[in-house]
Amino acid sequence: MTQPIRPTRLISWFIAARKEFERFPEGAQDACFRALTIAAEGHNKPDIAKPLHGFGSGVFEIALPFRGDAFRVVYTVQIAEEIWVVHAFQKKSAHGIKTPQREIDLIRERLKRLKEALP
């Protein structure tokens, strides 16, 4: 039996997140965009994405090690019909794998704004 074809979801961006993402090296952008495309096509969660704890279900973080640096893209799949990228940043924390608090606060604020703005 064949599986029904799911339509590919749009990928929408906070403007600031898109600008941050565009500062990533080209190879890091390509890898992260491939992961977003997998999510948009409705396949399983991309291998480099994991749930971002503390935000409820449907918020994911793409965690990409790239040439000795660490890049992160945070997106949500449950607020609207499309996938929303709410933040992108290069992780520079010396505190291991934990996401820095200032980044968590920014993600929380953007998710709040998104929920208020969308029906």
PDB file of N, CA and C in Angstrom:
ATOM      1  N   MET A   1       0.842  -1.176   0.000  1.00  0.00           N
ATOM      2  CA  MET A   1       0.000   0.000   0.000  1.00  0.00           C
ATOM      3  C   MET A   1       0.893   1.247   0.000  1.00  0.00           C
ATOM      4  N   THR A   2       0.545   2.207  -0.803  1.00  0.00           N
ATOM      5  CA  THR A   2       1.336   3.420  -0.885  1.00  0.00           C
ATOM      6  C   THR A   2       0.899   4.428   0.166  1.00  0.00           C
ATOM      7  N   GLN A   3       1.849   5.231   0.595  1.00  0.00           N
ATOM      8  CA  GLN A   3       1.580   6.295   1.557  1.00  0.00           C
ATOM      9  C   GLN A   3       1.050   7.513   0.811  1.00  0.00           C
ATOM     10  N   PRO A   4       0.080   8.233   1.389  1.00  0.00           N
ATOM     11  CA  PRO A   4      -0.382   9.454   0.727  1.00  0.00           C
ATOM     12  C   PRO A   4       0.752  10.484   0.694  1.00  0.00           C
ATOM     13  N   ILE A   5       0.795  11.250  -0.366  1.00  0.00           N
ATOM     14  CA  ILE A   5       1.834  12.269  -0.507  1.00  0.00           C
ATOM     15  C   ILE A   5       1.431  13.500   0.300  1.00  0.00           C
ATOM     16  N   ARG A   6       2.319  13.909   1.170  1.00  0.00           N
ATOM     17  CA  ARG A   6       2.067  15.116   1.955  1.00  0.00           C
ATOM     18  C   ARG A   6       2.602  16.323   1.197  1.00  0.00           C
ATOM     19  N   PRO A   7       1.864  17.409   1.223  1.00  0.00           N
ATOM     20  CA  PRO A   7       2.410  18.611   0.577  1.00  0.00           C
ATOM     21  C   PRO A   7       3.578  19.156   1.390  1.00  0.00           C
ATOM     22  N   THR A   8       4.541  19.687   0.690  1.00  0.00           N
ATOM     23  CA  THR A   8       5.677  20.304   1.361  1.00  0.00           C
ATOM     24  C   THR A   8       5.226  21.598   2.020  1.00  0.00           C
ATOM     25  N   ARG A   9       5.586  21.771   3.277  1.00  0.00           N
ATOM     26  CA  ARG A   9       5.215  22.977   4.012  1.00  0.00           C
ATOM     27  C   ARG A   9       6.174  24.105   3.651  1.00  0.00           C
ATOM     28  N   LEU A  10       5.667  25.305   3.706  1.00  0.00           N
ATOM     29  CA  LEU A  10       6.526  26.469   3.509  1.00  0.00           C
ATOM     30  C   LEU A  10       7.457  26.620   4.703  1.00  0.00           C
ATOM     31  N   ILE A  11       8.617  27.198   4.465  1.00  0.00           N
ATOM     32  CA  ILE A  11       9.542  27.544   5.536  1.00  0.00           C
ATOM     33  C   ILE A  11       9.532  29.058   5.647  1.00  0.00           C
ATOM     34  N   SER A  12       9.038  29.555   6.773  1.00  0.00           N
ATOM     35  CA  SER A  12       8.975  30.995   7.018  1.00  0.00           C
ATOM     36  C   SER A  12      10.016  31.364   8.059  1.00  0.00           C
ATOM     37  N   TRP A  13      10.477  32.598   7.987  1.00  0.00           N
ATOM     38  CA  TRP A  13      11.584  33.037   8.837  1.00  0.00           C
ATOM     39  C   TRP A  13      11.259  34.347   9.547  1.00  0.00           C
ATOM     40  N   PHE A  14      11.669  34.452  10.800  1.00  0.00           N
ATOM     41  CA  PHE A  14      11.786  35.774  11.399  1.00  0.00           C
ATOM     42  C   PHE A  14      12.884  36.470  10.607  1.00  0.00           C
ATOM     43  N   ILE A  15      12.692  37.715  10.289  1.00  0.00           N
ATOM     44  CA  ILE A  15      13.684  38.441   9.483  1.00  0.00           C
ATOM     45  C   ILE A  15      15.050  38.404  10.149  1.00  0.00           C
ATOM     46  N   ALA A  16      15.085  38.619  11.450  1.00  0.00           N
ATOM     47  CA  ALA A  16      16.367  38.607  12.173  1.00  0.00           C
ATOM     48  C   ALA A  16      17.021  37.226  12.109  1.00  0.00           C
ATOM     49  N   ALA A  17      16.220  36.168  12.178  1.00  0.00           N
ATOM     50  CA  ALA A  17      16.767  34.814  12.096  1.00  0.00           C
ATOM     51  C   ALA A  17      17.375  34.568  10.722  1.00  0.00           C
ATOM     52  N   ARG A  18      16.709  35.057   9.681  1.00  0.00           N
ATOM     53  CA  ARG A  18      17.233  34.881   8.317  1.00  0.00           C
ATOM     54  C   ARG A  18      18.569  35.612   8.146  1.00  0.00           C
ATOM     55  N   LYS A  19      18.643  36.835   8.686  1.00  0.00           N
ATOM     56  CA  LYS A  19      19.892  37.602   8.607  1.00  0.00           C
ATOM     57  C   LYS A  19      21.010  36.902   9.371  1.00  0.00           C
ATOM     58  N   GLU A  20      20.690  36.356  10.528  1.00  0.00           N
ATOM     59  CA  GLU A  20      21.686  35.614  11.309  1.00  0.00           C
ATOM     60  C   GLU A  20      22.143  34.379  10.533  1.00  0.00           C
ATOM     61  N   PHE A  21      21.188  33.669   9.931  1.00  0.00           N
ATOM     62  CA  PHE A  21      21.490  32.467   9.155  1.00  0.00           C
ATOM     63  C   PHE A  21      22.395  32.785   7.971  1.00  0.00           C
ATOM     64  N   GLU A  22      22.161  33.909   7.323  1.00  0.00           N
ATOM     65  CA  GLU A  22      22.958  34.286   6.153  1.00  0.00           C
ATOM     66  C   GLU A  22      24.402  34.605   6.505  1.00  0.00           C
ATOM     67  N   ARG A  23      24.704  34.777   7.779  1.00  0.00           N
ATOM     68  CA  ARG A  23      26.095  34.987   8.216  1.00  0.00           C
ATOM     69  C   ARG A  23      26.839  33.671   8.439  1.00  0.00           C
ATOM     70  N   PHE A  24      26.120  32.551   8.425  1.00  0.00           N
ATOM     71  CA  PHE A  24      26.760  31.247   8.552  1.00  0.00           C
ATOM     72  C   PHE A  24      27.630  31.011   7.311  1.00  0.00           C
ATOM     73  N   PRO A  25      28.700  30.222   7.437  1.00  0.00           N
ATOM     74  CA  PRO A  25      29.454  29.815   6.237  1.00  0.00           C
ATOM     75  C   PRO A  25      28.534  29.054   5.280  1.00  0.00           C
ATOM     76  N   GLU A  26      28.839  29.116   4.004  1.00  0.00           N
ATOM     77  CA  GLU A  26      27.979  28.513   2.984  1.00  0.00           C
ATOM     78  C   GLU A  26      27.696  27.034   3.249  1.00  0.00           C
ATOM     79  N   GLY A  27      28.707  26.272   3.622  1.00  0.00           N
ATOM     80  CA  GLY A  27      28.503  24.842   3.893  1.00  0.00           C
ATOM     81  C   GLY A  27      27.578  24.600   5.072  1.00  0.00           C
ATOM     82  N   ALA A  28      27.662  25.435   6.093  1.00  0.00           N
ATOM     83  CA  ALA A  28      26.772  25.314   7.252  1.00  0.00           C
ATOM     84  C   ALA A  28      25.342  25.677   6.846  1.00  0.00           C
ATOM     85  N   GLN A  29      25.195  26.704   6.025  1.00  0.00           N
ATOM     86  CA  GLN A  29      23.865  27.061   5.528  1.00  0.00           C
ATOM     87  C   GLN A  29      23.258  25.899   4.752  1.00  0.00           C
ATOM     88  N   ASP A  30      24.052  25.304   3.871  1.00  0.00           N
ATOM     89  CA  ASP A  30      23.550  24.193   3.051  1.00  0.00           C
ATOM     90  C   ASP A  30      23.067  23.037   3.915  1.00  0.00           C
ATOM     91  N   ALA A  31      23.859  22.636   4.904  1.00  0.00           N
ATOM     92  CA  ALA A  31      23.490  21.503   5.768  1.00  0.00           C
ATOM     93  C   ALA A  31      22.234  21.811   6.574  1.00  0.00           C
ATOM     94  N   CYS A  32      22.146  23.011   7.109  1.00  0.00           N
ATOM     95  CA  CYS A  32      20.962  23.384   7.897  1.00  0.00           C
ATOM     96  C   CYS A  32      19.729  23.484   7.010  1.00  0.00           C
ATOM     97  N   PHE A  33      19.900  24.032   5.814  1.00  0.00           N
ATOM     98  CA  PHE A  33      18.745  24.150   4.920  1.00  0.00           C
ATOM     99  C   PHE A  33      18.256  22.775   4.464  1.00  0.00           C
ATOM    100  N   ARG A  34      19.176  21.827   4.267  1.00  0.00           N
ATOM    101  CA  ARG A  34      18.771  20.453   3.929  1.00  0.00           C
ATOM    102  C   ARG A  34      17.925  19.868   5.063  1.00  0.00           C
ATOM    103  N   ALA A  35      18.336  20.111   6.297  1.00  0.00           N
ATOM    104  CA  ALA A  35      17.579  19.603   7.442  1.00  0.00           C
ATOM    105  C   ALA A  35      16.196  20.249   7.513  1.00  0.00           C
ATOM    106  N   LEU A  36      16.115  21.548   7.256  1.00  0.00           N
ATOM    107  CA  LEU A  36      14.812  22.227   7.237  1.00  0.00           C
ATOM    108  C   LEU A  36      13.926  21.672   6.127  1.00  0.00           C
ATOM    109  N   THR A  37      14.517  21.365   4.997  1.00  0.00           N
ATOM    110  CA  THR A  37      13.762  20.805   3.869  1.00  0.00           C
ATOM    111  C   THR A  37      13.192  19.437   4.225  1.00  0.00           C
ATOM    112  N   ILE A  38      13.975  18.610   4.904  1.00  0.00           N
ATOM    113  CA  ILE A  38      13.480  17.299   5.353  1.00  0.00           C
ATOM    114  C   ILE A  38      12.264  17.488   6.248  1.00  0.00           C
ATOM    115  N   ALA A  39      12.347  18.442   7.179  1.00  0.00           N
ATOM    116  CA  ALA A  39      11.215  18.715   8.067  1.00  0.00           C
ATOM    117  C   ALA A  39      10.013  19.231   7.267  1.00  0.00           C
ATOM    118  N   ALA A  40      10.256  20.104   6.309  1.00  0.00           N
ATOM    119  CA  ALA A  40       9.169  20.688   5.514  1.00  0.00           C
ATOM    120  C   ALA A  40       8.477  19.652   4.640  1.00  0.00           C
ATOM    121  N   GLU A  41       9.212  18.658   4.201  1.00  0.00           N
ATOM    122  CA  GLU A  41       8.640  17.619   3.354  1.00  0.00           C
ATOM    123  C   GLU A  41       7.876  16.574   4.156  1.00  0.00           C
ATOM    124  N   GLY A  42       7.888  16.714   5.481  1.00  0.00           N
ATOM    125  CA  GLY A  42       7.111  15.818   6.323  1.00  0.00           C
ATOM    126  C   GLY A  42       7.756  14.486   6.604  1.00  0.00           C
ATOM    127  N   HIS A  43       9.043  14.367   6.294  1.00  0.00           N
ATOM    128  CA  HIS A  43       9.752  13.132   6.618  1.00  0.00           C
ATOM    129  C   HIS A  43      10.046  13.119   8.113  1.00  0.00           C
ATOM    130  N   ASN A  44      10.702  12.094   8.542  1.00  0.00           N
ATOM    131  CA  ASN A  44      11.094  12.048   9.946  1.00  0.00           C
ATOM    132  C   ASN A  44      11.968  13.251  10.280  1.00  0.00           C
ATOM    133  N   LYS A  45      12.116  13.476  11.554  1.00  0.00           N
ATOM    134  CA  LYS A  45      12.956  14.555  12.038  1.00  0.00           C
ATOM    135  C   LYS A  45      14.365  14.403  11.453  1.00  0.00           C
ATOM    136  N   PRO A  46      14.956  15.493  10.977  1.00  0.00           N
ATOM    137  CA  PRO A  46      16.321  15.408  10.446  1.00  0.00           C
ATOM    138  C   PRO A  46      17.295  14.878  11.505  1.00  0.00           C
ATOM    139  N   ASP A  47      18.307  14.154  11.062  1.00  0.00           N
ATOM    140  CA  ASP A  47      19.280  13.568  11.988  1.00  0.00           C
ATOM    141  C   ASP A  47      19.973  14.606  12.861  1.00  0.00           C
ATOM    142  N   ILE A  48      20.180  15.811  12.335  1.00  0.00           N
ATOM    143  CA  ILE A  48      20.912  16.822  13.106  1.00  0.00           C
ATOM    144  C   ILE A  48      19.984  17.721  13.919  1.00  0.00           C
ATOM    145  N   ALA A  49      18.694  17.357  13.994  1.00  0.00           N
ATOM    146  CA  ALA A  49      17.730  18.142  14.777  1.00  0.00           C
ATOM    147  C   ALA A  49      17.325  17.342  16.009  1.00  0.00           C
ATOM    148  N   LYS A  50      17.037  18.071  17.080  1.00  0.00           N
ATOM    149  CA  LYS A  50      16.575  17.443  18.315  1.00  0.00           C
ATOM    150  C   LYS A  50      15.539  18.368  18.946  1.00  0.00           C
ATOM    151  N   PRO A  51      14.622  17.810  19.743  1.00  0.00           N
ATOM    152  CA  PRO A  51      13.670  18.679  20.437  1.00  0.00           C
ATOM    153  C   PRO A  51      14.423  19.650  21.339  1.00  0.00           C
ATOM    154  N   LEU A  52      13.959  20.880  21.381  1.00  0.00           N
ATOM    155  CA  LEU A  52      14.561  21.875  22.266  1.00  0.00           C
ATOM    156  C   LEU A  52      13.735  21.881  23.541  1.00  0.00           C
ATOM    157  N   HIS A  53      14.293  21.334  24.591  1.00  0.00           N
ATOM    158  CA  HIS A  53      13.573  21.155  25.847  1.00  0.00           C
ATOM    159  C   HIS A  53      13.232  22.495  26.492  1.00  0.00           C
ATOM    160  N   GLY A  54      12.093  22.503  27.173  1.00  0.00           N
ATOM    161  CA  GLY A  54      11.646  23.697  27.875  1.00  0.00           C
ATOM    162  C   GLY A  54      10.684  24.556  27.078  1.00  0.00           C
ATOM    163  N   PHE A  55      10.354  24.129  25.849  1.00  0.00           N
ATOM    164  CA  PHE A  55       9.460  24.909  24.991  1.00  0.00           C
ATOM    165  C   PHE A  55       8.215  24.145  24.591  1.00  0.00           C
ATOM    166  N   GLY A  56       8.006  22.980  25.114  1.00  0.00           N
ATOM    167  CA  GLY A  56       6.874  22.165  24.712  1.00  0.00           C
ATOM    168  C   GLY A  56       7.195  21.414  23.432  1.00  0.00           C
ATOM    169  N   SER A  57       6.235  20.626  22.979  1.00  0.00           N
ATOM    170  CA  SER A  57       6.479  19.838  21.767  1.00  0.00           C
ATOM    171  C   SER A  57       6.446  20.732  20.539  1.00  0.00           C
ATOM    172  N   GLY A  58       7.141  20.312  19.523  1.00  0.00           N
ATOM    173  CA  GLY A  58       7.095  21.018  18.252  1.00  0.00           C
ATOM    174  C   GLY A  58       8.162  22.068  18.043  1.00  0.00           C
ATOM    175  N   VAL A  59       9.075  22.244  19.002  1.00  0.00           N
ATOM    176  CA  VAL A  59      10.180  23.190  18.833  1.00  0.00           C
ATOM    177  C   VAL A  59      11.471  22.369  18.757  1.00  0.00           C
ATOM    178  N   PHE A  60      12.213  22.569  17.673  1.00  0.00           N
ATOM    179  CA  PHE A  60      13.403  21.779  17.419  1.00  0.00           C
ATOM    180  C   PHE A  60      14.616  22.672  17.231  1.00  0.00           C
ATOM    181  N   GLU A  61      15.774  22.088  17.515  1.00  0.00           N
ATOM    182  CA  GLU A  61      17.039  22.784  17.322  1.00  0.00           C
ATOM    183  C   GLU A  61      17.912  21.940  16.400  1.00  0.00           C
ATOM    184  N   ILE A  62      18.311  22.532  15.293  1.00  0.00           N
ATOM    185  CA  ILE A  62      19.308  21.903  14.428  1.00  0.00           C
ATOM    186  C   ILE A  62      20.652  22.236  15.048  1.00  0.00           C
ATOM    187  N   ALA A  63      21.416  21.206  15.364  1.00  0.00           N
ATOM    188  CA  ALA A  63      22.725  21.387  15.993  1.00  0.00           C
ATOM    189  C   ALA A  63      23.783  20.888  15.014  1.00  0.00           C
ATOM    190  N   LEU A  64      24.536  21.812  14.452  1.00  0.00           N
ATOM    191  CA  LEU A  64      25.494  21.472  13.415  1.00  0.00           C
ATOM    192  C   LEU A  64      26.913  21.821  13.830  1.00  0.00           C
ATOM    193  N   PRO A  65      27.758  20.813  14.052  1.00  0.00           N
ATOM    194  CA  PRO A  65      29.186  21.107  14.191  1.00  0.00           C
ATOM    195  C   PRO A  65      29.751  21.298  12.779  1.00  0.00           C
ATOM    196  N   PHE A  66      30.502  22.369  12.580  1.00  0.00           N
ATOM    197  CA  PHE A  66      30.999  22.664  11.240  1.00  0.00           C
ATOM    198  C   PHE A  66      32.368  23.342  11.348  1.00  0.00           C
ATOM    199  N   ARG A  67      33.397  22.639  10.869  1.00  0.00           N
ATOM    200  CA  ARG A  67      34.759  23.169  10.837  1.00  0.00           C
ATOM    201  C   ARG A  67      35.189  23.772  12.174  1.00  0.00           C
ATOM    202  N   GLY A  68      34.935  23.039  13.241  1.00  0.00           N
ATOM    203  CA  GLY A  68      35.365  23.464  14.565  1.00  0.00           C
ATOM    204  C   GLY A  68      34.438  24.453  15.252  1.00  0.00           C
ATOM    205  N   ASP A  69      33.377  24.874  14.587  1.00  0.00           N
ATOM    206  CA  ASP A  69      32.405  25.780  15.180  1.00  0.00           C
ATOM    207  C   ASP A  69      31.086  25.035  15.376  1.00  0.00           C
ATOM    208  N   ALA A  70      30.170  25.674  16.093  1.00  0.00           N
ATOM    209  CA  ALA A  70      28.846  25.080  16.327  1.00  0.00           C
ATOM    210  C   ALA A  70      27.780  26.078  15.893  1.00  0.00           C
ATOM    211  N   PHE A  71      26.884  25.624  15.030  1.00  0.00           N
ATOM    212  CA  PHE A  71      25.810  26.468  14.517  1.00  0.00           C
ATOM    213  C   PHE A  71      24.474  25.865  14.925  1.00  0.00           C
ATOM    214  N   ARG A  72      23.516  26.731  15.241  1.00  0.00           N
ATOM    215  CA  ARG A  72      22.203  26.294  15.690  1.00  0.00           C
ATOM    216  C   ARG A  72      21.114  27.029  14.912  1.00  0.00           C
ATOM    217  N   VAL A  73      20.063  26.299  14.563  1.00  0.00           N
ATOM    218  CA  VAL A  73      18.871  26.875  13.943  1.00  0.00           C
ATOM    219  C   VAL A  73      17.679  26.313  14.718  1.00  0.00           C
ATOM    220  N   VAL A  74      16.832  27.204  15.226  1.00  0.00           N
ATOM    221  CA  VAL A  74      15.673  26.784  16.016  1.00  0.00           C
ATOM    222  C   VAL A  74      14.419  27.034  15.193  1.00  0.00           C
ATOM    223  N   TYR A  75      13.575  25.997  15.104  1.00  0.00           N
ATOM    224  CA  TYR A  75      12.341  26.131  14.331  1.00  0.00           C
ATOM    225  C   TYR A  75      11.191  25.455  15.063  1.00  0.00           C
ATOM    226  N   THR A  76       9.984  25.862  14.696  1.00  0.00           N
ATOM    227  CA  THR A  76       8.784  25.266  15.273  1.00  0.00           C
ATOM    228  C   THR A  76       7.910  24.713  14.162  1.00  0.00           C
ATOM    229  N   VAL A  77       7.249  23.617  14.463  1.00  0.00           N
ATOM    230  CA  VAL A  77       6.392  22.969  13.466  1.00  0.00           C
ATOM    231  C   VAL A  77       4.923  22.971  13.854  1.00  0.00           C
ATOM    232  N   GLN A  78       4.556  23.546  15.013  1.00  0.00           N
ATOM    233  CA  GLN A  78       3.181  23.417  15.481  1.00  0.00           C
ATOM    234  C   GLN A  78       2.430  24.726  15.661  1.00  0.00           C
ATOM    235  N   ILE A  79       3.010  25.852  15.356  1.00  0.00           N
ATOM    236  CA  ILE A  79       2.304  27.115  15.576  1.00  0.00           C
ATOM    237  C   ILE A  79       1.428  27.478  14.385  1.00  0.00           C
ATOM    238  N   ALA A  80       1.845  27.181  13.192  1.00  0.00           N
ATOM    239  CA  ALA A  80       1.077  27.530  11.996  1.00  0.00           C
ATOM    240  C   ALA A  80       1.223  26.397  10.983  1.00  0.00           C
ATOM    241  N   GLU A  81       0.662  26.605   9.809  1.00  0.00           N
ATOM    242  CA  GLU A  81       0.762  25.595   8.750  1.00  0.00           C
ATOM    243  C   GLU A  81       2.193  25.419   8.261  1.00  0.00           C
ATOM    244  N   GLU A  82       2.944  26.500   8.267  1.00  0.00           N
ATOM    245  CA  GLU A  82       4.315  26.423   7.788  1.00  0.00           C
ATOM    246  C   GLU A  82       5.273  26.135   8.936  1.00  0.00           C
ATOM    247  N   ILE A  83       6.499  25.863   8.583  1.00  0.00           N
ATOM    248  CA  ILE A  83       7.578  25.735   9.569  1.00  0.00           C
ATOM    249  C   ILE A  83       8.137  27.132   9.772  1.00  0.00           C
ATOM    250  N   TRP A  84       8.289  27.528  11.028  1.00  0.00           N
ATOM    251  CA  TRP A  84       8.823  28.860  11.330  1.00  0.00           C
ATOM    252  C   TRP A  84      10.209  28.744  11.935  1.00  0.00           C
ATOM    253  N   VAL A  85      11.178  29.398  11.300  1.00  0.00           N
ATOM    254  CA  VAL A  85      12.527  29.492  11.857  1.00  0.00           C
ATOM    255  C   VAL A  85      12.540  30.738  12.732  1.00  0.00           C
ATOM    256  N   VAL A  86      12.766  30.528  14.024  1.00  0.00           N
ATOM    257  CA  VAL A  86      12.688  31.649  14.960  1.00  0.00           C
ATOM    258  C   VAL A  86      14.048  32.188  15.367  1.00  0.00           C
ATOM    259  N   HIS A  87      15.114  31.383  15.188  1.00  0.00           N
ATOM    260  CA  HIS A  87      16.433  31.875  15.590  1.00  0.00           C
ATOM    261  C   HIS A  87      17.513  31.060  14.897  1.00  0.00           C
ATOM    262  N   ALA A  88      18.621  31.706  14.620  1.00  0.00           N
ATOM    263  CA  ALA A  88      19.817  31.052  14.090  1.00  0.00           C
ATOM    264  C   ALA A  88      21.008  31.744  14.734  1.00  0.00           C
ATOM    265  N   PHE A  89      21.967  30.961  15.188  1.00  0.00           N
ATOM    266  CA  PHE A  89      23.123  31.575  15.842  1.00  0.00           C
ATOM    267  C   PHE A  89      24.310  30.636  15.819  1.00  0.00           C
ATOM    268  N   GLN A  90      25.487  31.234  15.954  1.00  0.00           N
ATOM    269  CA  GLN A  90      26.708  30.463  16.122  1.00  0.00           C
ATOM    270  C   GLN A  90      26.932  30.354  17.615  1.00  0.00           C
ATOM    271  N   LYS A  91      27.009  29.133  18.112  1.00  0.00           N
ATOM    272  CA  LYS A  91      27.174  28.917  19.543  1.00  0.00           C
ATOM    273  C   LYS A  91      28.629  29.146  19.916  1.00  0.00           C
ATOM    274  N   LYS A  92      28.827  30.032  20.863  1.00  0.00           N
ATOM    275  CA  LYS A  92      30.186  30.363  21.287  1.00  0.00           C
ATOM    276  C   LYS A  92      30.366  30.148  22.787  1.00  0.00           C
ATOM    277  N   SER A  93      29.469  29.388  23.387  1.00  0.00           N
ATOM    278  CA  SER A  93      29.510  29.167  24.827  1.00  0.00           C
ATOM    279  C   SER A  93      30.662  28.251  25.212  1.00  0.00           C
ATOM    280  N   ALA A  94      31.286  28.578  26.304  1.00  0.00           N
ATOM    281  CA  ALA A  94      32.327  27.716  26.857  1.00  0.00           C
ATOM    282  C   ALA A  94      31.728  26.763  27.886  1.00  0.00           C
ATOM    283  N   HIS A  95      30.413  26.709  27.959  1.00  0.00           N
ATOM    284  CA  HIS A  95      29.724  25.905  28.959  1.00  0.00           C
ATOM    285  C   HIS A  95      29.217  24.592  28.382  1.00  0.00           C
ATOM    286  N   GLY A  96      29.986  23.939  27.591  1.00  0.00           N
ATOM    287  CA  GLY A  96      29.591  22.647  27.046  1.00  0.00           C
ATOM    288  C   GLY A  96      28.504  22.769  26.000  1.00  0.00           C
ATOM    289  N   ILE A  97      27.551  21.824  26.029  1.00  0.00           N
ATOM    290  CA  ILE A  97      26.532  21.779  24.987  1.00  0.00           C
ATOM    291  C   ILE A  97      25.299  22.604  25.323  1.00  0.00           C
ATOM    292  N   LYS A  98      25.225  23.135  26.526  1.00  0.00           N
ATOM    293  CA  LYS A  98      24.042  23.893  26.938  1.00  0.00           C
ATOM    294  C   LYS A  98      23.891  25.167  26.107  1.00  0.00           C
ATOM    295  N   THR A  99      22.650  25.429  25.670  1.00  0.00           N
ATOM    296  CA  THR A  99      22.360  26.656  24.917  1.00  0.00           C
ATOM    297  C   THR A  99      22.416  27.835  25.877  1.00  0.00           C
ATOM    298  N   PRO A 100      23.154  28.891  25.542  1.00  0.00           N
ATOM    299  CA  PRO A 100      23.278  30.049  26.437  1.00  0.00           C
ATOM    300  C   PRO A 100      21.921  30.667  26.771  1.00  0.00           C
ATOM    301  N   GLN A 101      21.789  31.180  27.991  1.00  0.00           N
ATOM    302  CA  GLN A 101      20.520  31.726  28.469  1.00  0.00           C
ATOM    303  C   GLN A 101      20.027  32.878  27.607  1.00  0.00           C
ATOM    304  N   ARG A 102      20.921  33.733  27.117  1.00  0.00           N
ATOM    305  CA  ARG A 102      20.465  34.862  26.285  1.00  0.00           C
ATOM    306  C   ARG A 102      19.812  34.360  24.999  1.00  0.00           C
ATOM    307  N   GLU A 103      20.294  33.229  24.474  1.00  0.00           N
ATOM    308  CA  GLU A 103      19.677  32.645  23.274  1.00  0.00           C
ATOM    309  C   GLU A 103      18.317  32.041  23.620  1.00  0.00           C
ATOM    310  N   ILE A 104      18.213  31.372  24.766  1.00  0.00           N
ATOM    311  CA  ILE A 104      16.944  30.797  25.222  1.00  0.00           C
ATOM    312  C   ILE A 104      15.911  31.906  25.394  1.00  0.00           C
ATOM    313  N   ASP A 105      16.314  33.021  26.015  1.00  0.00           N
ATOM    314  CA  ASP A 105      15.389  34.143  26.222  1.00  0.00           C
ATOM    315  C   ASP A 105      14.899  34.712  24.898  1.00  0.00           C
ATOM    316  N   LEU A 106      15.799  34.835  23.926  1.00  0.00           N
ATOM    317  CA  LEU A 106      15.432  35.354  22.608  1.00  0.00           C
ATOM    318  C   LEU A 106      14.463  34.398  21.901  1.00  0.00           C
ATOM    319  N   ILE A 107      14.726  33.104  21.979  1.00  0.00           N
ATOM    320  CA  ILE A 107      13.835  32.111  21.373  1.00  0.00           C
ATOM    321  C   ILE A 107      12.456  32.196  22.023  1.00  0.00           C
ATOM    322  N   ARG A 108      12.417  32.256  23.341  1.00  0.00           N
ATOM    323  CA  ARG A 108      11.148  32.339  24.069  1.00  0.00           C
ATOM    324  C   ARG A 108      10.353  33.579  23.641  1.00  0.00           C
ATOM    325  N   GLU A 109      11.035  34.723  23.517  1.00  0.00           N
ATOM    326  CA  GLU A 109      10.376  35.971  23.110  1.00  0.00           C
ATOM    327  C   GLU A 109       9.829  35.866  21.683  1.00  0.00           C
ATOM    328  N   ARG A 110      10.608  35.310  20.775  1.00  0.00           N
ATOM    329  CA  ARG A 110      10.151  35.187  19.387  1.00  0.00           C
ATOM    330  C   ARG A 110       8.988  34.220  19.259  1.00  0.00           C
ATOM    331  N   LEU A 111       9.016  33.125  20.002  1.00  0.00           N
ATOM    332  CA  LEU A 111       7.886  32.191  19.979  1.00  0.00           C
ATOM    333  C   LEU A 111       6.628  32.865  20.509  1.00  0.00           C
ATOM    334  N   LYS A 112       6.764  33.641  21.551  1.00  0.00           N
ATOM    335  CA  LYS A 112       5.619  34.377  22.106  1.00  0.00           C
ATOM    336  C   LYS A 112       5.049  35.341  21.073  1.00  0.00           C
ATOM    337  N   ARG A 113       5.921  36.098  20.411  1.00  0.00           N
ATOM    338  CA  ARG A 113       5.477  37.039  19.380  1.00  0.00           C
ATOM    339  C   ARG A 113       4.792  36.313  18.233  1.00  0.00           C
ATOM    340  N   LEU A 114       5.327  35.173  17.844  1.00  0.00           N
ATOM    341  CA  LEU A 114       4.759  34.392  16.750  1.00  0.00           C
ATOM    342  C   LEU A 114       3.358  33.904  17.110  1.00  0.00           C
ATOM    343  N   LYS A 115       3.196  33.374  18.314  1.00  0.00           N
ATOM    344  CA  LYS A 115       1.882  32.884  18.749  1.00  0.00           C
ATOM    345  C   LYS A 115       0.860  34.011  18.799  1.00  0.00           C
ATOM    346  N   GLU A 116       1.296  35.196  19.198  1.00  0.00           N
ATOM    347  CA  GLU A 116       0.381  36.347  19.250  1.00  0.00           C
ATOM    348  C   GLU A 116      -0.001  36.847  17.877  1.00  0.00           C
ATOM    349  N   ALA A 117       0.916  36.743  16.912  1.00  0.00           N
ATOM    350  CA  ALA A 117       0.699  37.311  15.585  1.00  0.00           C
ATOM    351  C   ALA A 117      -0.111  36.398  14.659  1.00  0.00           C
ATOM    352  N   LEU A 118      -0.040  35.093  14.886  1.00  0.00           N
ATOM    353  CA  LEU A 118      -0.696  34.148  13.980  1.00  0.00           C
ATOM    354  C   LEU A 118      -2.003  33.645  14.578  1.00  0.00           C
ATOM    355  N   PRO A 119      -2.994  33.393  13.723  1.00  0.00           N
ATOM    356  CA  PRO A 119      -4.300  32.912  14.215  1.00  0.00           C
ATOM    357  C   PRO A 119      -4.213  31.517  14.805  1.00  0.00           C
TER     358      PRO A 119
END
